[in-house]
C-alpha atoms as a PDB file:
ATOM      1  CA  UNK A   1       0.000   0.000   0.000  1.00  0.00           C
ATOM      2  CA  UNK A   2       0.940   3.638  -0.482  1.00  0.00           C
ATOM      3  CA  UNK A   3       0.368   5.382   2.854  1.00  0.00           C
ATOM      4  CA  UNK A   4       0.727   9.028   3.888  1.00  0.00           C
ATOM      5  CA  UNK A   5       1.512   9.723   7.554  1.00  0.00           C
ATOM      6  CA  UNK A   6       0.930  13.170   9.034  1.00  0.00           C
ATOM      7  CA  UNK A   7       2.953  14.041  12.132  1.00  0.00           C
ATOM      8  CA  UNK A   8       5.664  11.681  10.885  1.00  0.00           C
ATOM      9  CA  UNK A   9       8.379  13.355  12.971  1.00  0.00           C
ATOM     10  CA  UNK A  10       6.583  12.815  16.276  1.00  0.00           C
ATOM     11  CA  UNK A  11       7.130  10.053  18.797  1.00  0.00           C
ATOM     12  CA  UNK A  12       4.398   7.795  17.389  1.00  0.00           C
ATOM     13  CA  UNK A  13       4.890   8.982  13.818  1.00  0.00           C
ATOM     14  CA  UNK A  14       8.477   7.771  13.654  1.00  0.00           C
ATOM     15  CA  UNK A  15       7.517   4.332  14.956  1.00  0.00           C
ATOM     16  CA  UNK A  16       4.560   4.070  12.573  1.00  0.00           C
ATOM     17  CA  UNK A  17       6.679   5.001   9.536  1.00  0.00           C
ATOM     18  CA  UNK A  18       9.358   2.474  10.515  1.00  0.00           C
ATOM     19  CA  UNK A  19       6.800  -0.277  11.057  1.00  0.00           C
ATOM     20  CA  UNK A  20       5.058   0.421   7.738  1.00  0.00           C
ATOM     21  CA  UNK A  21       8.341   0.339   5.825  1.00  0.00           C
ATOM     22  CA  UNK A  22       9.297  -2.938   7.521  1.00  0.00           C
ATOM     23  CA  UNK A  23       6.018  -4.406   6.273  1.00  0.00           C
ATOM     24  CA  UNK A  24       6.786  -3.408   2.684  1.00  0.00           C
ATOM     25  CA  UNK A  25       4.544  -0.360   2.353  1.00  0.00           C
ATOM     26  CA  UNK A  26       5.405   2.807   0.447  1.00  0.00           C
ATOM     27  CA  UNK A  27       5.413   5.626   3.011  1.00  0.00           C
ATOM     28  CA  UNK A  28       5.150   9.388   2.597  1.00  0.00           C
ATOM     29  CA  UNK A  29       5.853  11.311   5.791  1.00  0.00           C
ATOM     30  CA  UNK A  30       4.201  14.727   6.137  1.00  0.00           C
ATOM     31  CA  UNK A  31       5.113  17.174   8.896  1.00  0.00           C
ATOM     32  CA  UNK A  32       5.941  20.771   9.700  1.00  0.00           C
ATOM     33  CA  UNK A  33       7.328  23.056   8.479  1.00  0.00           C
ATOM     34  CA  UNK A  34       6.748  21.915   4.898  1.00  0.00           C
ATOM     35  CA  UNK A  35       3.370  20.272   5.438  1.00  0.00           C
ATOM     36  CA  UNK A  36       0.813  22.009   7.678  1.00  0.00           C
ATOM     37  CA  UNK A  37      -2.500  20.246   8.292  1.00  0.00           C
ATOM     38  CA  UNK A  38      -4.148  23.605   9.096  1.00  0.00           C
ATOM     39  CA  UNK A  39      -3.433  24.787   5.538  1.00  0.00           C
ATOM     40  CA  UNK A  40      -6.477  23.243   3.878  1.00  0.00           C
ATOM     41  CA  UNK A  41      -5.567  23.992   0.290  1.00  0.00           C
ATOM     42  CA  UNK A  42      -1.914  23.067   0.684  1.00  0.00           C
ATOM     43  CA  UNK A  43      -2.330  19.789   2.590  1.00  0.00           C
ATOM     44  CA  UNK A  44      -5.233  18.617   0.469  1.00  0.00           C
ATOM     45  CA  UNK A  45      -3.335  19.308  -2.749  1.00  0.00           C
ATOM     46  CA  UNK A  46      -0.323  17.445  -1.402  1.00  0.00           C
ATOM     47  CA  UNK A  47      -2.427  14.375  -0.637  1.00  0.00           C
ATOM     48  CA  UNK A  48      -4.227  14.627  -3.989  1.00  0.00           C
ATOM     49  CA  UNK A  49      -0.858  14.653  -5.732  1.00  0.00           C
ATOM     50  CA  UNK A  50       0.348  11.645  -3.763  1.00  0.00           C
ATOM     51  CA  UNK A  51      -3.015   9.828  -4.081  1.00  0.00           C
ATOM     52  CA  UNK A  52      -2.184   7.273  -1.366  1.00  0.00           C
ATOM     53  CA  UNK A  53      -4.332   4.281  -0.462  1.00  0.00           C
ATOM     54  CA  UNK A  54      -4.717   5.635   3.076  1.00  0.00           C
ATOM     55  CA  UNK A  55      -3.750   8.497   5.382  1.00  0.00           C
ATOM     56  CA  UNK A  56      -2.681   7.879   8.972  1.00  0.00           C
ATOM     57  CA  UNK A  57      -3.395  11.218  10.649  1.00  0.00           C
ATOM     58  CA  UNK A  58      -1.151  11.584  13.697  1.00  0.00           C
ATOM     59  CA  UNK A  59      -0.404  15.325  13.583  1.00  0.00           C
ATOM     60  CA  UNK A  60      -1.801  16.971  16.711  1.00  0.00           C
ATOM     61  CA  UNK A  61      -1.463  19.833  19.159  1.00  0.00           C
ATOM     62  CA  UNK A  62      -0.624  17.967  22.380  1.00  0.00           C
ATOM     63  CA  UNK A  63       0.533  20.689  24.814  1.00  0.00           C
ATOM     64  CA  UNK A  64      -2.428  20.110  27.137  1.00  0.00           C
ATOM     65  CA  UNK A  65      -1.764  22.945  29.592  1.00  0.00           C
ATOM     66  CA  UNK A  66      -0.742  25.475  26.974  1.00  0.00           C
ATOM     67  CA  UNK A  67      -3.892  24.682  24.993  1.00  0.00           C
ATOM     68  CA  UNK A  68      -5.922  26.517  27.629  1.00  0.00           C
ATOM     69  CA  UNK A  69      -4.237  29.790  26.652  1.00  0.00           C
ATOM     70  CA  UNK A  70      -3.738  28.927  22.958  1.00  0.00           C
ATOM     71  CA  UNK A  71      -7.239  27.725  22.180  1.00  0.00           C
ATOM     72  CA  UNK A  72      -7.375  28.913  18.550  1.00  0.00           C
ATOM     73  CA  UNK A  73      -4.072  27.202  17.720  1.00  0.00           C
ATOM     74  CA  UNK A  74      -5.138  23.943  19.375  1.00  0.00           C
ATOM     75  CA  UNK A  75      -8.512  24.013  17.603  1.00  0.00           C
ATOM     76  CA  UNK A  76      -6.880  24.725  14.245  1.00  0.00           C
ATOM     77  CA  UNK A  77      -4.585  21.695  14.448  1.00  0.00           C
ATOM     78  CA  UNK A  78      -6.783  19.149  16.197  1.00  0.00           C
ATOM     79  CA  UNK A  79     -10.220  19.949  14.784  1.00  0.00           C
ATOM     80  CA  UNK A  80      -9.728  21.817  11.534  1.00  0.00           C
ATOM     81  CA  UNK A  81      -6.703  19.671  10.694  1.00  0.00           C
ATOM     82  CA  UNK A  82      -8.809  16.525  11.053  1.00  0.00           C
ATOM     83  CA  UNK A  83     -11.512  18.113   8.895  1.00  0.00           C
ATOM     84  CA  UNK A  84      -8.979  18.936   6.189  1.00  0.00           C
ATOM     85  CA  UNK A  85      -7.560  15.414   6.098  1.00  0.00           C
ATOM     86  CA  UNK A  86     -10.991  13.762   6.226  1.00  0.00           C
ATOM     87  CA  UNK A  87     -12.254  15.977   3.411  1.00  0.00           C
ATOM     88  CA  UNK A  88      -9.550  14.958   0.984  1.00  0.00           C
ATOM     89  CA  UNK A  89      -9.819  11.293   2.023  1.00  0.00           C
ATOM     90  CA  UNK A  90     -13.525  11.432   1.213  1.00  0.00           C
ATOM     91  CA  UNK A  91     -12.864  13.075  -2.143  1.00  0.00           C
ATOM     92  CA  UNK A  92     -10.315  10.421  -3.076  1.00  0.00           C
ATOM     93  CA  UNK A  93     -12.336   7.530  -1.624  1.00  0.00           C
ATOM     94  CA  UNK A  94      -9.441   6.412   0.577  1.00  0.00           C
ATOM     95  CA  UNK A  95      -9.112   5.293   4.191  1.00  0.00           C
ATOM     96  CA  UNK A  96      -8.199   7.524   7.116  1.00  0.00           C
ATOM     97  CA  UNK A  97      -6.929   6.550  10.562  1.00  0.00           C
ATOM     98  CA  UNK A  98      -7.282   9.297  13.174  1.00  0.00           C
ATOM     99  CA  UNK A  99      -5.645   8.979  16.588  1.00  0.00           C
ATOM    100  CA  UNK A 100      -7.676  10.456  19.429  1.00  0.00           C
ATOM    101  CA  UNK A 101      -7.379  10.310  23.207  1.00  0.00           C
ATOM    102  CA  UNK A 102      -8.841   9.193  26.525  1.00  0.00           C
ATOM    103  CA  UNK A 103      -9.247  12.923  27.239  1.00  0.00           C
ATOM    104  CA  UNK A 104     -12.528  12.897  25.289  1.00  0.00           C
ATOM    105  CA  UNK A 105     -14.078  11.280  28.391  1.00  0.00           C
ATOM    106  CA  UNK A 106     -14.917  12.916  31.753  1.00  0.00           C
ATOM    107  CA  UNK A 107     -12.360  10.859  33.685  1.00  0.00           C
ATOM    108  CA  UNK A 108     -14.783   9.897  36.440  1.00  0.00           C
ATOM    109  CA  UNK A 109     -15.534   6.535  38.069  1.00  0.00           C
ATOM    110  CA  UNK A 110     -13.244   3.532  38.081  1.00  0.00           C
ATOM    111  CA  UNK A 111     -14.523   1.440  35.160  1.00  0.00           C
ATOM    112  CA  UNK A 112     -12.938   1.407  31.685  1.00  0.00           C
ATOM    113  CA  UNK A 113     -14.664   3.667  29.159  1.00  0.00           C
ATOM    114  CA  UNK A 114     -16.241   1.881  26.191  1.00  0.00           C
ATOM    115  CA  UNK A 115     -15.979   3.204  22.645  1.00  0.00           C
ATOM    116  CA  UNK A 116     -19.595   4.394  22.863  1.00  0.00           C
ATOM    117  CA  UNK A 117     -19.369   5.884  26.363  1.00  0.00           C
ATOM    118  CA  UNK A 118     -20.600   9.503  26.421  1.00  0.00           C
ATOM    119  CA  UNK A 119     -17.895  12.019  25.622  1.00  0.00           C
ATOM    120  CA  UNK A 120     -17.425  14.860  28.090  1.00  0.00           C
ATOM    121  CA  UNK A 121     -13.953  16.385  27.763  1.00  0.00           C
ATOM    122  CA  UNK A 122     -12.486  18.099  30.839  1.00  0.00           C
ATOM    123  CA  UNK A 123     -10.202  20.488  28.968  1.00  0.00           C
ATOM    124  CA  UNK A 124      -9.758  22.278  25.653  1.00  0.00           C
ATOM    125  CA  UNK A 125      -7.319  19.724  24.282  1.00  0.00           C
ATOM    126  CA  UNK A 126      -9.835  16.914  24.861  1.00  0.00           C
ATOM    127  CA  UNK A 127     -12.640  18.972  23.327  1.00  0.00           C
ATOM    128  CA  UNK A 128     -10.667  19.691  20.159  1.00  0.00           C
ATOM    129  CA  UNK A 129      -9.731  16.033  19.749  1.00  0.00           C
ATOM    130  CA  UNK A 130     -13.353  14.966  20.176  1.00  0.00           C
ATOM    131  CA  UNK A 131     -14.484  17.621  17.707  1.00  0.00           C
ATOM    132  CA  UNK A 132     -11.816  16.251  15.367  1.00  0.00           C
ATOM    133  CA  UNK A 133     -13.387  12.799  15.719  1.00  0.00           C
ATOM    134  CA  UNK A 134     -16.783  14.205  14.806  1.00  0.00           C
ATOM    135  CA  UNK A 135     -15.441  16.093  11.796  1.00  0.00           C
ATOM    136  CA  UNK A 136     -13.676  12.973  10.533  1.00  0.00           C
ATOM    137  CA  UNK A 137     -16.779  10.813  11.041  1.00  0.00           C
ATOM    138  CA  UNK A 138     -18.972  13.385   9.297  1.00  0.00           C
ATOM    139  CA  UNK A 139     -16.829  13.415   6.180  1.00  0.00           C
ATOM    140  CA  UNK A 140     -15.027  10.106   5.831  1.00  0.00           C
ATOM    141  CA  UNK A 141     -16.684   6.711   5.468  1.00  0.00           C
ATOM    142  CA  UNK A 142     -13.514   4.608   5.453  1.00  0.00           C
ATOM    143  CA  UNK A 143     -12.489   5.714   8.919  1.00  0.00           C
ATOM    144  CA  UNK A 144     -10.630   4.335  11.900  1.00  0.00           C
ATOM    145  CA  UNK A 145     -10.779   6.337  15.132  1.00  0.00           C
ATOM    146  CA  UNK A 146      -8.164   5.042  17.547  1.00  0.00           C
ATOM    147  CA  UNK A 147      -8.203   6.441  21.077  1.00  0.00           C
ATOM    148  CA  UNK A 148      -4.929   6.037  22.923  1.00  0.00           C
ATOM    149  CA  UNK A 149      -3.499   7.215  26.258  1.00  0.00           C
ATOM    150  CA  UNK A 150      -0.342   7.745  28.324  1.00  0.00           C
ATOM    151  CA  UNK A 151       1.964   7.210  25.344  1.00  0.00           C
ATOM    152  CA  UNK A 152       5.736   7.151  25.524  1.00  0.00           C
ATOM    153  CA  UNK A 153       8.432   6.265  23.008  1.00  0.00           C
ATOM    154  CA  UNK A 154      11.999   6.910  21.986  1.00  0.00           C
ATOM    155  CA  UNK A 155      12.983  10.429  21.044  1.00  0.00           C
ATOM    156  CA  UNK A 156       9.902  12.021  22.536  1.00  0.00           C
ATOM    157  CA  UNK A 157       8.907  14.207  25.468  1.00  0.00           C
ATOM    158  CA  UNK A 158       7.136  11.664  27.668  1.00  0.00           C
ATOM    159  CA  UNK A 159       6.378  10.717  31.273  1.00  0.00           C
ATOM    160  CA  UNK A 160       9.170   8.148  31.525  1.00  0.00           C
ATOM    161  CA  UNK A 161      11.878  10.615  30.594  1.00  0.00           C
ATOM    162  CA  UNK A 162      10.322  13.463  32.582  1.00  0.00           C
ATOM    163  CA  UNK A 163      10.139  11.380  35.749  1.00  0.00           C
ATOM    164  CA  UNK A 164      13.725  10.172  35.339  1.00  0.00           C
ATOM    165  CA  UNK A 165      14.907  13.749  34.860  1.00  0.00           C
ATOM    166  CA  UNK A 166      12.885  14.969  37.846  1.00  0.00           C
ATOM    167  CA  UNK A 167      14.457  12.311  40.077  1.00  0.00           C
ATOM    168  CA  UNK A 168      18.019  13.136  39.066  1.00  0.00           C
ATOM    169  CA  UNK A 169      20.090  13.790  42.195  1.00  0.00           C
ATOM    170  CA  UNK A 170      17.141  13.355  44.579  1.00  0.00           C
ATOM    171  CA  UNK A 171      16.318  10.845  47.296  1.00  0.00           C
ATOM    172  CA  UNK A 172      12.555  11.135  46.900  1.00  0.00           C
ATOM    173  CA  UNK A 173       9.966  12.532  44.525  1.00  0.00           C
ATOM    174  CA  UNK A 174       6.209  13.183  44.711  1.00  0.00           C
ATOM    175  CA  UNK A 175       3.953  11.667  42.041  1.00  0.00           C
ATOM    176  CA  UNK A 176       0.165  11.728  41.784  1.00  0.00           C
ATOM    177  CA  UNK A 177      -1.534   8.503  42.813  1.00  0.00           C
ATOM    178  CA  UNK A 178      -5.155   9.296  41.891  1.00  0.00           C
ATOM    179  CA  UNK A 179      -4.747   9.331  38.091  1.00  0.00           C
ATOM    180  CA  UNK A 180      -5.140   5.773  36.774  1.00  0.00           C
ATOM    181  CA  UNK A 181      -4.598   4.525  33.238  1.00  0.00           C
ATOM    182  CA  UNK A 182      -2.417   2.365  31.007  1.00  0.00           C
ATOM    183  CA  UNK A 183       1.108   3.431  30.005  1.00  0.00           C
ATOM    184  CA  UNK A 184       1.408   2.704  26.285  1.00  0.00           C
ATOM    185  CA  UNK A 185       4.561   2.150  24.235  1.00  0.00           C
ATOM    186  CA  UNK A 186       4.424   3.745  20.785  1.00  0.00           C
ATOM    187  CA  UNK A 187       6.349   0.838  19.229  1.00  0.00           C
ATOM    188  CA  UNK A 188       3.483  -1.488  20.192  1.00  0.00           C
ATOM    189  CA  UNK A 189       0.855   0.970  18.965  1.00  0.00           C
ATOM    190  CA  UNK A 190       2.666   1.272  15.644  1.00  0.00           C
ATOM    191  CA  UNK A 191       2.368  -2.444  14.966  1.00  0.00           C
ATOM    192  CA  UNK A 192      -1.351  -2.331  15.710  1.00  0.00           C
ATOM    193  CA  UNK A 193      -1.869   0.704  13.482  1.00  0.00           C
ATOM    194  CA  UNK A 194      -0.194  -1.151  10.620  1.00  0.00           C
ATOM    195  CA  UNK A 195      -2.501  -4.140  11.053  1.00  0.00           C
ATOM    196  CA  UNK A 196      -5.532  -1.873  11.256  1.00  0.00           C
ATOM    197  CA  UNK A 197      -4.788   0.086   8.105  1.00  0.00           C
ATOM    198  CA  UNK A 198      -4.218  -3.198   6.237  1.00  0.00           C
ATOM    199  CA  UNK A 199      -7.474  -4.728   7.508  1.00  0.00           C
ATOM    200  CA  UNK A 200     -10.240  -2.461   6.243  1.00  0.00           C
ATOM    201  CA  UNK A 201     -12.085  -3.082   9.542  1.00  0.00           C
ATOM    202  CA  UNK A 202     -13.210   0.520  10.002  1.00  0.00           C
ATOM    203  CA  UNK A 203     -14.632   1.692  13.310  1.00  0.00           C
ATOM    204  CA  UNK A 204     -13.865   3.224  16.695  1.00  0.00           C
ATOM    205  CA  UNK A 205     -11.239   1.501  18.820  1.00  0.00           C
ATOM    206  CA  UNK A 206      -9.345   1.920  22.069  1.00  0.00           C
ATOM    207  CA  UNK A 207      -5.744   0.734  22.273  1.00  0.00           C
ATOM    208  CA  UNK A 208      -3.312   0.773  25.189  1.00  0.00           C
ATOM    209  CA  UNK A 209      -0.890  -1.684  26.672  1.00  0.00           C
ATOM    210  CA  UNK A 210      -2.712  -4.097  28.963  1.00  0.00           C
ATOM    211  CA  UNK A 211      -3.226  -3.479  32.678  1.00  0.00           C
ATOM    212  CA  UNK A 212      -3.861  -0.367  34.757  1.00  0.00           C
ATOM    213  CA  UNK A 213      -1.737   1.579  37.205  1.00  0.00           C
ATOM    214  CA  UNK A 214      -1.531   4.994  38.808  1.00  0.00           C
ATOM    215  CA  UNK A 215       1.058   7.566  37.791  1.00  0.00           C
ATOM    216  CA  UNK A 216       2.847   6.816  41.064  1.00  0.00           C
ATOM    217  CA  UNK A 217       2.829   3.067  40.333  1.00  0.00           C
ATOM    218  CA  UNK A 218       4.307   3.834  36.931  1.00  0.00           C
ATOM    219  CA  UNK A 219       7.085   5.889  38.499  1.00  0.00           C
ATOM    220  CA  UNK A 220       7.864   3.127  41.019  1.00  0.00           C
ATOM    221  CA  UNK A 221       8.206   0.600  38.189  1.00  0.00           C
ATOM    222  CA  UNK A 222      10.449   2.963  36.197  1.00  0.00           C
ATOM    223  CA  UNK A 223      12.789   3.356  39.177  1.00  0.00           C
ATOM    224  CA  UNK A 224      12.700  -0.367  39.887  1.00  0.00           C
ATOM    225  CA  UNK A 225      13.693  -1.281  36.328  1.00  0.00           C
ATOM    226  CA  UNK A 226      16.440   1.348  36.152  1.00  0.00           C
ATOM    227  CA  UNK A 227      17.878   0.475  39.557  1.00  0.00           C
ATOM    228  CA  UNK A 228      17.150   3.935  40.888  1.00  0.00           C
ATOM    229  CA  UNK A 229      16.705   4.115  44.655  1.00  0.00           C
ATOM    230  CA  UNK A 230      14.451   7.175  44.656  1.00  0.00           C
ATOM    231  CA  UNK A 231      11.452   6.974  46.982  1.00  0.00           C
ATOM    232  CA  UNK A 232       8.038   7.818  45.486  1.00  0.00           C
ATOM    233  CA  UNK A 233       5.712   9.867  47.697  1.00  0.00           C
ATOM    234  CA  UNK A 234       2.106   9.328  46.659  1.00  0.00           C
ATOM    235  CA  UNK A 235       0.097  12.562  46.463  1.00  0.00           C
ATOM    236  CA  UNK A 236      -3.188  13.846  45.020  1.00  0.00           C
ATOM    237  CA  UNK A 237      -3.687  15.727  41.766  1.00  0.00           C
ATOM    238  CA  UNK A 238      -4.998  18.650  43.804  1.00  0.00           C
ATOM    239  CA  UNK A 239      -1.493  19.029  45.231  1.00  0.00           C
ATOM    240  CA  UNK A 240      -0.189  19.774  41.722  1.00  0.00           C
ATOM    241  CA  UNK A 241      -2.414  22.482  40.172  1.00  0.00           C
ATOM    242  CA  UNK A 242      -2.039  22.671  36.392  1.00  0.00           C
ATOM    243  CA  UNK A 243      -3.360  24.803  33.571  1.00  0.00           C
ATOM    244  CA  UNK A 244      -5.698  22.062  32.342  1.00  0.00           C
ATOM    245  CA  UNK A 245      -7.775  19.641  34.371  1.00  0.00           C
ATOM    246  CA  UNK A 246      -6.657  16.014  34.038  1.00  0.00           C
ATOM    247  CA  UNK A 247      -8.914  12.933  34.118  1.00  0.00           C
ATOM    248  CA  UNK A 248      -8.532  10.732  37.173  1.00  0.00           C
ATOM    249  CA  UNK A 249      -9.832   7.706  35.286  1.00  0.00           C
ATOM    250  CA  UNK A 250      -8.102   7.085  31.951  1.00  0.00           C
ATOM    251  CA  UNK A 251      -8.999   3.387  31.766  1.00  0.00           C
ATOM    252  CA  UNK A 252     -10.109   2.359  28.257  1.00  0.00           C
ATOM    253  CA  UNK A 253     -11.990  -0.813  27.345  1.00  0.00           C
ATOM    254  CA  UNK A 254     -10.440  -2.879  24.553  1.00  0.00           C
ATOM    255  CA  UNK A 255     -13.646  -4.780  23.751  1.00  0.00           C
ATOM    256  CA  UNK A 256     -13.946  -3.433  20.203  1.00  0.00           C
ATOM    257  CA  UNK A 257     -10.298  -4.267  19.544  1.00  0.00           C
ATOM    258  CA  UNK A 258     -10.804  -7.860  20.683  1.00  0.00           C
ATOM    259  CA  UNK A 259     -14.163  -8.264  18.940  1.00  0.00           C
ATOM    260  CA  UNK A 260     -12.615  -7.223  15.619  1.00  0.00           C
ATOM    261  CA  UNK A 261      -9.839  -9.791  15.931  1.00  0.00           C
ATOM    262  CA  UNK A 262      -6.957  -7.420  16.616  1.00  0.00           C
ATOM    263  CA  UNK A 263      -6.286  -8.873  20.045  1.00  0.00           C
ATOM    264  CA  UNK A 264      -4.606  -6.877  22.782  1.00  0.00           C
ATOM    265  CA  UNK A 265      -1.196  -5.283  23.225  1.00  0.00           C
ATOM    266  CA  UNK A 266       1.393  -6.653  25.689  1.00  0.00           C
ATOM    267  CA  UNK A 267       1.232  -5.661  29.342  1.00  0.00           C
ATOM    268  CA  UNK A 268       2.438  -2.207  30.283  1.00  0.00           C
ATOM    269  CA  UNK A 269       5.154  -3.720  32.476  1.00  0.00           C
ATOM    270  CA  UNK A 270       6.503  -5.809  29.574  1.00  0.00           C
ATOM    271  CA  UNK A 271       6.409  -2.773  27.270  1.00  0.00           C
ATOM    272  CA  UNK A 272       8.286  -0.609  29.777  1.00  0.00           C
ATOM    273  CA  UNK A 273      11.018  -3.259  30.153  1.00  0.00           C
ATOM    274  CA  UNK A 274      11.532  -3.286  26.391  1.00  0.00           C
ATOM    275  CA  UNK A 275      11.589   0.508  26.204  1.00  0.00           C
ATOM    276  CA  UNK A 276      14.173   0.791  28.977  1.00  0.00           C
ATOM    277  CA  UNK A 277      16.163  -2.216  27.790  1.00  0.00           C
END
């Protein structure tokens, strides 16, 4: 297949491009500054000229706190960008895969959210991603919506590297213990995305590494695997005010993934070992 990947320079984008190439696909990576998904005419003409079999749309505004003060910029990338990509995919009759987020949900309770659970974003980032979902679904019939959460990968700004940097030279560190979800390795997601785009099994899916933990649990495991003796003090989100409200419950149900025959990803502990190894 000939596949265009927006956001190809990002943490997930690099892994997706590598995985696609390893599977024998022809890949066209699109990213700033040359390719801007908010430039409707420019990005649509680029994709028309390429005429791929599918577009994997990963480009996103992901600075969650900054989004609260840069709402127009976040909306332009996450919502209008999705509209622009979906519009040209519809015109060409090709497939689109759009990555969304657990932040479309309210983050309440302690049960995993299903793909059809009511959306109720807590912050502007989540709202723009959900609006991007709706724009894509309105325009594109051959559509995958893949909601992911707590991603980390090589060469990216992620929780694993932030927590290691924060612990440098310290005996103890405070980490929130009331936010629960599934740490997810982009290398594992990339393999799934490849299988999805090859399958033609369009729909809404949730994908994370298996198992749940709190942010504090995640930090403890990181220190354990790296041989770091830093003590983790478990605190509440309220002790760390931020620009955007975070969901306490980021658990996502993988029922649709299993029902469609994609199976599940490895456990988050196994994924973290491979990342750190």
